[in-house]
PDB file of N, CA and C in Angstrom:
ATOM      1  N   MET A   1     -55.452  -2.920 -73.153  1.00  0.00           N
ATOM      2  CA  MET A   1     -54.603  -1.741 -73.650  1.00  0.00           C
ATOM      3  C   MET A   1     -54.992  -0.528 -72.823  1.00  0.00           C
ATOM      4  N   LYS A   2     -53.955   0.318 -72.385  1.00  0.00           N
ATOM      5  CA  LYS A   2     -54.281   1.477 -71.753  1.00  0.00           C
ATOM      6  C   LYS A   2     -54.504   2.556 -72.681  1.00  0.00           C
ATOM      7  N   VAL A   3     -55.182   3.565 -72.191  1.00  0.00           N
ATOM      8  CA  VAL A   3     -55.460   4.838 -73.059  1.00  0.00           C
ATOM      9  C   VAL A   3     -54.531   5.968 -72.458  1.00  0.00           C
ATOM     10  N   ILE A   4     -54.003   6.724 -73.500  1.00  0.00           N
ATOM     11  CA  ILE A   4     -53.023   7.885 -73.024  1.00  0.00           C
ATOM     12  C   ILE A   4     -53.497   9.056 -73.770  1.00  0.00           C
ATOM     13  N   VAL A   5     -53.305  10.151 -73.266  1.00  0.00           N
ATOM     14  CA  VAL A   5     -53.541  11.427 -74.017  1.00  0.00           C
ATOM     15  C   VAL A   5     -52.244  12.085 -74.328  1.00  0.00           C
ATOM     16  N   ALA A   6     -52.077  12.500 -75.579  1.00  0.00           N
ATOM     17  CA  ALA A   6     -50.883  13.223 -76.070  1.00  0.00           C
ATOM     18  C   ALA A   6     -51.157  14.475 -76.871  1.00  0.00           C
ATOM     19  N   ARG A   7     -50.479  15.491 -76.817  1.00  0.00           N
ATOM     20  CA  ARG A   7     -50.705  16.571 -77.560  1.00  0.00           C
ATOM     21  C   ARG A   7     -49.687  16.509 -78.806  1.00  0.00           C
ATOM     22  N   VAL A   8     -50.318  16.818 -79.999  1.00  0.00           N
ATOM     23  CA  VAL A   8     -49.585  16.600 -81.172  1.00  0.00           C
ATOM     24  C   VAL A   8     -49.756  17.847 -82.074  1.00  0.00           C
ATOM     25  N   PRO A   9     -48.595  18.325 -82.529  1.00  0.00           N
ATOM     26  CA  PRO A   9     -48.695  19.614 -83.443  1.00  0.00           C
ATOM     27  C   PRO A   9     -49.592  19.330 -84.657  1.00  0.00           C
ATOM     28  N   GLU A  10     -50.345  20.232 -85.009  1.00  0.00           N
ATOM     29  CA  GLU A  10     -51.299  20.183 -86.081  1.00  0.00           C
ATOM     30  C   GLU A  10     -50.692  19.627 -87.309  1.00  0.00           C
ATOM     31  N   ALA A  11     -49.489  20.094 -87.692  1.00  0.00           N
ATOM     32  CA  ALA A  11     -48.876  19.579 -88.785  1.00  0.00           C
ATOM     33  C   ALA A  11     -48.599  18.050 -88.866  1.00  0.00           C
ATOM     34  N   ILE A  12     -48.162  17.454 -87.771  1.00  0.00           N
ATOM     35  CA  ILE A  12     -47.998  16.215 -87.496  1.00  0.00           C
ATOM     36  C   ILE A  12     -49.413  15.457 -87.686  1.00  0.00           C
ATOM     37  N   LEU A  13     -50.354  15.896 -87.024  1.00  0.00           N
ATOM     38  CA  LEU A  13     -51.675  15.326 -87.140  1.00  0.00           C
ATOM     39  C   LEU A  13     -52.268  15.364 -88.562  1.00  0.00           C
ATOM     40  N   ASN A  14     -51.845  16.428 -89.400  1.00  0.00           N
ATOM     41  CA  ASN A  14     -52.258  16.374 -90.819  1.00  0.00           C
ATOM     42  C   ASN A  14     -51.598  15.300 -91.614  1.00  0.00           C
ATOM     43  N   GLU A  15     -50.315  14.955 -91.419  1.00  0.00           N
ATOM     44  CA  GLU A  15     -49.734  13.997 -91.889  1.00  0.00           C
ATOM     45  C   GLU A  15     -50.169  12.570 -91.621  1.00  0.00           C
ATOM     46  N   ILE A  16     -50.473  12.497 -90.243  1.00  0.00           N
ATOM     47  CA  ILE A  16     -51.123  11.258 -89.825  1.00  0.00           C
ATOM     48  C   ILE A  16     -52.467  11.017 -90.567  1.00  0.00           C
ATOM     49  N   ASP A  17     -53.223  12.089 -90.724  1.00  0.00           N
ATOM     50  CA  ASP A  17     -54.580  11.892 -91.406  1.00  0.00           C
ATOM     51  C   ASP A  17     -54.403  11.404 -92.771  1.00  0.00           C
ATOM     52  N   ILE A  18     -53.266  11.941 -93.406  1.00  0.00           N
ATOM     53  CA  ILE A  18     -52.925  11.512 -94.855  1.00  0.00           C
ATOM     54  C   ILE A  18     -52.713  10.018 -94.916  1.00  0.00           C
ATOM     55  N   LEU A  19     -51.826   9.535 -93.906  1.00  0.00           N
ATOM     56  CA  LEU A  19     -51.727   8.065 -93.894  1.00  0.00           C
ATOM     57  C   LEU A  19     -52.878   7.343 -93.740  1.00  0.00           C
ATOM     58  N   VAL A  20     -53.942   7.844 -92.930  1.00  0.00           N
ATOM     59  CA  VAL A  20     -55.144   7.089 -92.778  1.00  0.00           C
ATOM     60  C   VAL A  20     -55.930   7.136 -94.071  1.00  0.00           C
ATOM     61  N   LYS A  21     -56.103   8.462 -94.470  1.00  0.00           N
ATOM     62  CA  LYS A  21     -57.060   8.647 -95.824  1.00  0.00           C
ATOM     63  C   LYS A  21     -56.591   7.848 -96.881  1.00  0.00           C
ATOM     64  N   THR A  22     -55.165   7.641 -97.111  1.00  0.00           N
ATOM     65  CA  THR A  22     -54.692   6.855 -98.262  1.00  0.00           C
ATOM     66  C   THR A  22     -54.766   5.355 -98.058  1.00  0.00           C
ATOM     67  N   GLY A  23     -55.257   5.057 -96.847  1.00  0.00           N
ATOM     68  CA  GLY A  23     -55.477   3.569 -96.577  1.00  0.00           C
ATOM     69  C   GLY A  23     -54.241   2.789 -96.006  1.00  0.00           C
ATOM     70  N   ARG A  24     -53.153   3.583 -95.900  1.00  0.00           N
ATOM     71  CA  ARG A  24     -51.923   2.756 -95.380  1.00  0.00           C
ATOM     72  C   ARG A  24     -52.344   2.360 -93.760  1.00  0.00           C
ATOM     73  N   TYR A  25     -53.001   2.999 -93.080  1.00  0.00           N
ATOM     74  CA  TYR A  25     -53.292   2.652 -91.675  1.00  0.00           C
ATOM     75  C   TYR A  25     -54.878   2.940 -91.548  1.00  0.00           C
ATOM     76  N   SER A  26     -55.510   2.237 -90.645  1.00  0.00           N
ATOM     77  CA  SER A  26     -57.040   2.261 -90.449  1.00  0.00           C
ATOM     78  C   SER A  26     -57.478   3.379 -89.630  1.00  0.00           C
ATOM     79  N   SER A  27     -56.528   3.863 -88.753  1.00  0.00           N
ATOM     80  CA  SER A  27     -56.846   5.004 -87.744  1.00  0.00           C
ATOM     81  C   SER A  27     -55.583   5.791 -87.364  1.00  0.00           C
ATOM     82  N   ARG A  28     -55.932   6.882 -86.735  1.00  0.00           N
ATOM     83  CA  ARG A  28     -54.929   7.629 -86.186  1.00  0.00           C
ATOM     84  C   ARG A  28     -54.165   6.781 -85.016  1.00  0.00           C
ATOM     85  N   ALA A  29     -55.060   6.130 -84.298  1.00  0.00           N
ATOM     86  CA  ALA A  29     -54.454   5.312 -83.144  1.00  0.00           C
ATOM     87  C   ALA A  29     -53.477   4.263 -83.648  1.00  0.00           C
ATOM     88  N   GLU A  30     -53.785   3.716 -84.756  1.00  0.00           N
ATOM     89  CA  GLU A  30     -52.829   2.621 -85.313  1.00  0.00           C
ATOM     90  C   GLU A  30     -51.481   3.196 -85.772  1.00  0.00           C
ATOM     91  N   VAL A  31     -51.678   4.451 -86.341  1.00  0.00           N
ATOM     92  CA  VAL A  31     -50.427   5.216 -86.817  1.00  0.00           C
ATOM     93  C   VAL A  31     -49.515   5.447 -85.583  1.00  0.00           C
ATOM     94  N   ILE A  32     -50.048   5.971 -84.538  1.00  0.00           N
ATOM     95  CA  ILE A  32     -49.298   6.266 -83.350  1.00  0.00           C
ATOM     96  C   ILE A  32     -48.713   5.072 -82.656  1.00  0.00           C
ATOM     97  N   ARG A  33     -49.556   3.958 -82.562  1.00  0.00           N
ATOM     98  CA  ARG A  33     -49.045   2.663 -81.978  1.00  0.00           C
ATOM     99  C   ARG A  33     -48.012   2.192 -82.880  1.00  0.00           C
ATOM    100  N   VAL A  34     -47.861   2.170 -84.134  1.00  0.00           N
ATOM    101  CA  VAL A  34     -46.791   1.728 -84.968  1.00  0.00           C
ATOM    102  C   VAL A  34     -45.603   2.649 -84.730  1.00  0.00           C
ATOM    103  N   ALA A  35     -45.829   3.896 -84.718  1.00  0.00           N
ATOM    104  CA  ALA A  35     -44.603   4.823 -84.568  1.00  0.00           C
ATOM    105  C   ALA A  35     -43.991   4.598 -83.243  1.00  0.00           C
ATOM    106  N   VAL A  36     -44.805   4.391 -82.200  1.00  0.00           N
ATOM    107  CA  VAL A  36     -44.255   4.280 -80.839  1.00  0.00           C
ATOM    108  C   VAL A  36     -43.569   2.974 -80.747  1.00  0.00           C
ATOM    109  N   ARG A  37     -44.216   1.901 -81.268  1.00  0.00           N
ATOM    110  CA  ARG A  37     -43.484   0.578 -81.230  1.00  0.00           C
ATOM    111  C   ARG A  37     -42.204   0.629 -81.945  1.00  0.00           C
ATOM    112  N   ASP A  38     -42.105   1.253 -83.236  1.00  0.00           N
ATOM    113  CA  ASP A  38     -40.888   1.227 -84.075  1.00  0.00           C
ATOM    114  C   ASP A  38     -39.798   2.075 -83.211  1.00  0.00           C
ATOM    115  N   LEU A  39     -40.199   3.226 -82.497  1.00  0.00           N
ATOM    116  CA  LEU A  39     -39.258   4.030 -81.778  1.00  0.00           C
ATOM    117  C   LEU A  39     -38.712   3.114 -80.649  1.00  0.00           C
ATOM    118  N   ILE A  40     -39.589   2.497 -79.881  1.00  0.00           N
ATOM    119  CA  ILE A  40     -39.031   1.626 -78.740  1.00  0.00           C
ATOM    120  C   ILE A  40     -38.086   0.534 -79.354  1.00  0.00           C
ATOM    121  N   ARG A  41     -38.410  -0.041 -80.318  1.00  0.00           N
ATOM    122  CA  ARG A  41     -37.477  -1.101 -80.918  1.00  0.00           C
ATOM    123  C   ARG A  41     -36.215  -0.437 -81.225  1.00  0.00           C
ATOM    124  N   LYS A  42     -36.120   0.684 -82.039  1.00  0.00           N
ATOM    125  CA  LYS A  42     -35.161   1.305 -82.358  1.00  0.00           C
ATOM    126  C   LYS A  42     -34.099   1.706 -81.257  1.00  0.00           C
ATOM    127  N   GLU A  43     -34.760   2.264 -80.273  1.00  0.00           N
ATOM    128  CA  GLU A  43     -34.037   2.736 -78.993  1.00  0.00           C
ATOM    129  C   GLU A  43     -33.391   1.591 -78.389  1.00  0.00           C
ATOM    130  N   PHE A  44     -33.974   0.382 -78.191  1.00  0.00           N
ATOM    131  CA  PHE A  44     -33.546  -0.781 -77.589  1.00  0.00           C
ATOM    132  C   PHE A  44     -32.411  -1.331 -78.366  1.00  0.00           C
ATOM    133  N   VAL A  45     -32.487  -1.353 -79.701  1.00  0.00           N
ATOM    134  CA  VAL A  45     -31.333  -1.920 -80.511  1.00  0.00           C
ATOM    135  C   VAL A  45     -30.150  -0.920 -80.227  1.00  0.00           C
ATOM    136  N   SER A  46     -30.353   0.350 -80.179  1.00  0.00           N
ATOM    137  CA  SER A  46     -29.323   1.320 -80.059  1.00  0.00           C
ATOM    138  C   SER A  46     -28.591   1.054 -78.592  1.00  0.00           C
ATOM    139  N   ALA A  47     -29.517   0.944 -77.626  1.00  0.00           N
ATOM    140  CA  ALA A  47     -29.049   0.639 -76.415  1.00  0.00           C
ATOM    141  C   ALA A  47     -28.157  -0.516 -76.184  1.00  0.00           C
ATOM    142  N   ARG A  48     -28.687  -1.673 -76.838  1.00  0.00           N
ATOM    143  CA  ARG A  48     -27.897  -2.974 -76.836  1.00  0.00           C
ATOM    144  C   ARG A  48     -26.568  -2.734 -77.514  1.00  0.00           C
ATOM    145  N   SER A  49     -26.493  -2.113 -78.761  1.00  0.00           N
ATOM    146  CA  SER A  49     -25.381  -1.800 -79.474  1.00  0.00           C
ATOM    147  C   SER A  49     -24.383  -0.997 -78.439  1.00  0.00           C
ATOM    148  N   ALA A  50     -24.795   0.031 -77.886  1.00  0.00           N
ATOM    149  CA  ALA A  50     -23.892   1.023 -76.945  1.00  0.00           C
ATOM    150  C   ALA A  50     -23.425   0.068 -75.884  1.00  0.00           C
ATOM    151  N   LEU A  51     -24.260  -0.843 -75.365  1.00  0.00           N
ATOM    152  CA  LEU A  51     -23.647  -1.766 -74.310  1.00  0.00           C
ATOM    153  C   LEU A  51     -22.520  -2.600 -74.825  1.00  0.00           C
ATOM    154  N   LYS A  52     -22.602  -3.098 -75.994  1.00  0.00           N
ATOM    155  CA  LYS A  52     -21.621  -3.953 -76.616  1.00  0.00           C
ATOM    156  C   LYS A  52     -20.338  -3.214 -76.779  1.00  0.00           C
ATOM    157  N   VAL A  53     -20.481  -1.906 -77.215  1.00  0.00           N
ATOM    158  CA  VAL A  53     -19.274  -1.101 -77.381  1.00  0.00           C
ATOM    159  C   VAL A  53     -18.619  -0.800 -76.163  1.00  0.00           C
ATOM    160  N   TYR A  54     -19.499  -0.366 -75.109  1.00  0.00           N
ATOM    161  CA  TYR A  54     -18.831   0.099 -73.855  1.00  0.00           C
ATOM    162  C   TYR A  54     -18.815  -0.954 -72.859  1.00  0.00           C
ATOM    163  N   GLY A  55     -19.374  -2.036 -73.039  1.00  0.00           N
ATOM    164  CA  GLY A  55     -19.457  -3.151 -72.042  1.00  0.00           C
ATOM    165  C   GLY A  55     -18.448  -4.092 -72.218  1.00  0.00           C
TER     166      GLY A  55
END
């Protein structure tokens, strides 16, 4: 796994910390990995749908 550095607004970091403190996720890194994974899946689904409409 590669390491990346990203700047995150404090308000979002606070919300991430709440997710970790409540036990929904084990770490900040896990929250961010899940969020990125879900965004990528969503974007690829949208791209495939757009290709069907325009292709």
